[in-house]
């Protein structure tokens, strides 16, 4: 009888798969929100919260995988390397950070370049 050979025990891999499923469901929710919500302040806040959760889960997954494989993070990509080879993948964490910066660009620009108004003390 064929017995599968696992490099990493399933007791370690199964929680990583569960996190990947959660991230995938949240990504589908995020795409739905982007498709159906207008981009006002409330919807941008909800989108930012969902994307922040996805970013955290994504990097937790990468951390857990990095225990067993070498992970190299590049701009918008990451490389997984092990003894059998390497694979490129899109870094959704960086993409979501860029998306949030794009959504909040006006507010960020206004905060950075906001003129500080000082009033002189006038005597009455």
C-alpha atoms as a PDB file:
ATOM      1  CA  UNK A   1       0.000   0.000   0.000  1.00  0.00           C
ATOM      2  CA  UNK A   2       1.211   3.489  -0.883  1.00  0.00           C
ATOM      3  CA  UNK A   3       2.044   5.615   2.131  1.00  0.00           C
ATOM      4  CA  UNK A   4       2.459   9.334   1.365  1.00  0.00           C
ATOM      5  CA  UNK A   5       5.691  10.968   2.400  1.00  0.00           C
ATOM      6  CA  UNK A   6       5.248  14.258   4.202  1.00  0.00           C
ATOM      7  CA  UNK A   7       8.189  16.565   4.749  1.00  0.00           C
ATOM      8  CA  UNK A   8       6.226  18.526   7.337  1.00  0.00           C
ATOM      9  CA  UNK A   9       3.761  16.802   9.666  1.00  0.00           C
ATOM     10  CA  UNK A  10       0.093  17.399   8.925  1.00  0.00           C
ATOM     11  CA  UNK A  11      -0.401  18.676  12.473  1.00  0.00           C
ATOM     12  CA  UNK A  12       1.684  21.690  11.468  1.00  0.00           C
ATOM     13  CA  UNK A  13       0.437  22.078   7.892  1.00  0.00           C
ATOM     14  CA  UNK A  14      -3.301  21.855   8.647  1.00  0.00           C
ATOM     15  CA  UNK A  15      -3.414  25.128  10.666  1.00  0.00           C
ATOM     16  CA  UNK A  16      -1.534  26.861   7.840  1.00  0.00           C
ATOM     17  CA  UNK A  17      -4.121  25.578   5.351  1.00  0.00           C
ATOM     18  CA  UNK A  18      -6.881  26.854   7.640  1.00  0.00           C
ATOM     19  CA  UNK A  19      -5.262  30.315   7.700  1.00  0.00           C
ATOM     20  CA  UNK A  20      -4.984  30.227   3.908  1.00  0.00           C
ATOM     21  CA  UNK A  21      -8.693  29.415   3.649  1.00  0.00           C
ATOM     22  CA  UNK A  22      -9.531  32.324   5.959  1.00  0.00           C
ATOM     23  CA  UNK A  23      -7.351  34.661   3.884  1.00  0.00           C
ATOM     24  CA  UNK A  24      -9.003  33.447   0.683  1.00  0.00           C
ATOM     25  CA  UNK A  25     -12.523  33.991   2.067  1.00  0.00           C
ATOM     26  CA  UNK A  26     -11.550  37.469   3.274  1.00  0.00           C
ATOM     27  CA  UNK A  27     -10.067  38.243  -0.151  1.00  0.00           C
ATOM     28  CA  UNK A  28     -13.357  37.245  -1.800  1.00  0.00           C
ATOM     29  CA  UNK A  29     -15.232  39.447   0.703  1.00  0.00           C
ATOM     30  CA  UNK A  30     -12.845  42.308  -0.100  1.00  0.00           C
ATOM     31  CA  UNK A  31     -13.426  41.917  -3.844  1.00  0.00           C
ATOM     32  CA  UNK A  32     -17.185  41.940  -3.214  1.00  0.00           C
ATOM     33  CA  UNK A  33     -16.902  45.082  -1.110  1.00  0.00           C
ATOM     34  CA  UNK A  34     -14.837  46.776  -3.794  1.00  0.00           C
ATOM     35  CA  UNK A  35     -17.380  45.816  -6.440  1.00  0.00           C
ATOM     36  CA  UNK A  36     -20.527  46.921  -4.626  1.00  0.00           C
ATOM     37  CA  UNK A  37     -19.610  49.780  -2.287  1.00  0.00           C
ATOM     38  CA  UNK A  38     -19.155  53.391  -3.205  1.00  0.00           C
ATOM     39  CA  UNK A  39     -15.816  54.805  -2.145  1.00  0.00           C
ATOM     40  CA  UNK A  40     -16.937  57.081   0.645  1.00  0.00           C
ATOM     41  CA  UNK A  41     -15.217  57.357   4.004  1.00  0.00           C
ATOM     42  CA  UNK A  42     -17.231  54.588   5.724  1.00  0.00           C
ATOM     43  CA  UNK A  43     -16.717  52.066   2.932  1.00  0.00           C
ATOM     44  CA  UNK A  44     -13.007  52.891   2.669  1.00  0.00           C
ATOM     45  CA  UNK A  45     -12.728  52.297   6.413  1.00  0.00           C
ATOM     46  CA  UNK A  46     -14.429  48.886   6.138  1.00  0.00           C
ATOM     47  CA  UNK A  47     -12.260  47.966   3.140  1.00  0.00           C
ATOM     48  CA  UNK A  48      -9.136  49.057   5.027  1.00  0.00           C
ATOM     49  CA  UNK A  49     -10.059  46.962   8.071  1.00  0.00           C
ATOM     50  CA  UNK A  50     -10.738  43.849   5.975  1.00  0.00           C
ATOM     51  CA  UNK A  51      -7.515  44.346   4.023  1.00  0.00           C
ATOM     52  CA  UNK A  52      -5.541  44.876   7.254  1.00  0.00           C
ATOM     53  CA  UNK A  53      -6.841  41.530   8.547  1.00  0.00           C
ATOM     54  CA  UNK A  54      -5.844  39.890   5.253  1.00  0.00           C
ATOM     55  CA  UNK A  55      -2.371  41.441   5.484  1.00  0.00           C
ATOM     56  CA  UNK A  56      -1.871  40.130   9.030  1.00  0.00           C
ATOM     57  CA  UNK A  57      -3.084  36.626   8.131  1.00  0.00           C
ATOM     58  CA  UNK A  58      -0.942  36.623   4.963  1.00  0.00           C
ATOM     59  CA  UNK A  59       2.252  37.454   6.827  1.00  0.00           C
ATOM     60  CA  UNK A  60       1.440  34.974   9.619  1.00  0.00           C
ATOM     61  CA  UNK A  61       1.202  32.322   6.902  1.00  0.00           C
ATOM     62  CA  UNK A  62       4.525  33.424   5.417  1.00  0.00           C
ATOM     63  CA  UNK A  63       6.130  33.331   8.858  1.00  0.00           C
ATOM     64  CA  UNK A  64       4.866  29.818   9.545  1.00  0.00           C
ATOM     65  CA  UNK A  65       6.011  28.613   6.113  1.00  0.00           C
ATOM     66  CA  UNK A  66       9.405  30.289   6.577  1.00  0.00           C
ATOM     67  CA  UNK A  67      10.149  27.834   9.373  1.00  0.00           C
ATOM     68  CA  UNK A  68      10.370  25.076   6.741  1.00  0.00           C
ATOM     69  CA  UNK A  69      11.289  26.951   3.569  1.00  0.00           C
ATOM     70  CA  UNK A  70      13.402  29.945   2.713  1.00  0.00           C
ATOM     71  CA  UNK A  71      11.148  32.920   1.971  1.00  0.00           C
ATOM     72  CA  UNK A  72      12.578  35.883   0.080  1.00  0.00           C
ATOM     73  CA  UNK A  73      10.330  38.936  -0.103  1.00  0.00           C
ATOM     74  CA  UNK A  74      10.754  41.091  -3.206  1.00  0.00           C
ATOM     75  CA  UNK A  75       8.750  44.107  -4.354  1.00  0.00           C
ATOM     76  CA  UNK A  76       5.211  42.742  -4.987  1.00  0.00           C
ATOM     77  CA  UNK A  77       6.497  39.134  -5.043  1.00  0.00           C
ATOM     78  CA  UNK A  78       7.958  36.541  -2.742  1.00  0.00           C
ATOM     79  CA  UNK A  79      10.003  33.443  -3.492  1.00  0.00           C
ATOM     80  CA  UNK A  80       9.616  30.151  -1.643  1.00  0.00           C
ATOM     81  CA  UNK A  81      12.735  27.989  -1.850  1.00  0.00           C
ATOM     82  CA  UNK A  82      13.221  24.458  -0.592  1.00  0.00           C
ATOM     83  CA  UNK A  83      15.339  21.451  -1.547  1.00  0.00           C
ATOM     84  CA  UNK A  84      12.975  20.615  -4.420  1.00  0.00           C
ATOM     85  CA  UNK A  85      13.137  24.030  -6.109  1.00  0.00           C
ATOM     86  CA  UNK A  86      11.631  27.451  -5.837  1.00  0.00           C
ATOM     87  CA  UNK A  87       8.390  29.199  -6.715  1.00  0.00           C
ATOM     88  CA  UNK A  88       7.347  32.813  -7.206  1.00  0.00           C
ATOM     89  CA  UNK A  89       4.080  34.102  -5.792  1.00  0.00           C
ATOM     90  CA  UNK A  90       2.305  37.429  -5.611  1.00  0.00           C
ATOM     91  CA  UNK A  91       2.672  39.182  -2.272  1.00  0.00           C
ATOM     92  CA  UNK A  92      -0.916  40.168  -1.519  1.00  0.00           C
ATOM     93  CA  UNK A  93       0.186  41.960   1.610  1.00  0.00           C
ATOM     94  CA  UNK A  94       2.187  44.529  -0.356  1.00  0.00           C
ATOM     95  CA  UNK A  95      -0.579  44.876  -2.960  1.00  0.00           C
ATOM     96  CA  UNK A  96      -3.169  45.573  -0.280  1.00  0.00           C
ATOM     97  CA  UNK A  97      -0.902  48.134   1.377  1.00  0.00           C
ATOM     98  CA  UNK A  98      -0.558  49.915  -1.973  1.00  0.00           C
ATOM     99  CA  UNK A  99      -4.324  49.698  -2.515  1.00  0.00           C
ATOM    100  CA  UNK A 100      -4.976  51.308   0.879  1.00  0.00           C
ATOM    101  CA  UNK A 101      -2.458  54.049   0.162  1.00  0.00           C
ATOM    102  CA  UNK A 102      -4.241  54.658  -3.149  1.00  0.00           C
ATOM    103  CA  UNK A 103      -7.684  54.794  -1.518  1.00  0.00           C
ATOM    104  CA  UNK A 104      -6.580  57.164   1.221  1.00  0.00           C
ATOM    105  CA  UNK A 105      -4.210  59.259  -0.946  1.00  0.00           C
ATOM    106  CA  UNK A 106      -6.236  62.469  -0.664  1.00  0.00           C
ATOM    107  CA  UNK A 107      -6.497  62.230   3.103  1.00  0.00           C
ATOM    108  CA  UNK A 108      -2.796  61.371   3.418  1.00  0.00           C
ATOM    109  CA  UNK A 109      -1.799  64.249   1.134  1.00  0.00           C
ATOM    110  CA  UNK A 110      -4.009  66.675   3.069  1.00  0.00           C
ATOM    111  CA  UNK A 111      -2.477  65.540   6.379  1.00  0.00           C
ATOM    112  CA  UNK A 112       1.094  65.829   5.112  1.00  0.00           C
ATOM    113  CA  UNK A 113       0.717  69.171   3.370  1.00  0.00           C
ATOM    114  CA  UNK A 114      -1.772  70.710   5.755  1.00  0.00           C
ATOM    115  CA  UNK A 115      -0.780  74.263   6.532  1.00  0.00           C
ATOM    116  CA  UNK A 116      -0.423  75.015  10.167  1.00  0.00           C
ATOM    117  CA  UNK A 117      -2.358  78.136  10.887  1.00  0.00           C
ATOM    118  CA  UNK A 118      -1.064  80.220  13.732  1.00  0.00           C
ATOM    119  CA  UNK A 119      -2.950  83.155  15.095  1.00  0.00           C
ATOM    120  CA  UNK A 120      -1.334  86.138  16.670  1.00  0.00           C
ATOM    121  CA  UNK A 121      -2.539  87.005  20.097  1.00  0.00           C
ATOM    122  CA  UNK A 122      -4.638  90.049  19.700  1.00  0.00           C
ATOM    123  CA  UNK A 123      -5.266  92.344  22.590  1.00  0.00           C
ATOM    124  CA  UNK A 124      -8.867  93.192  23.251  1.00  0.00           C
END
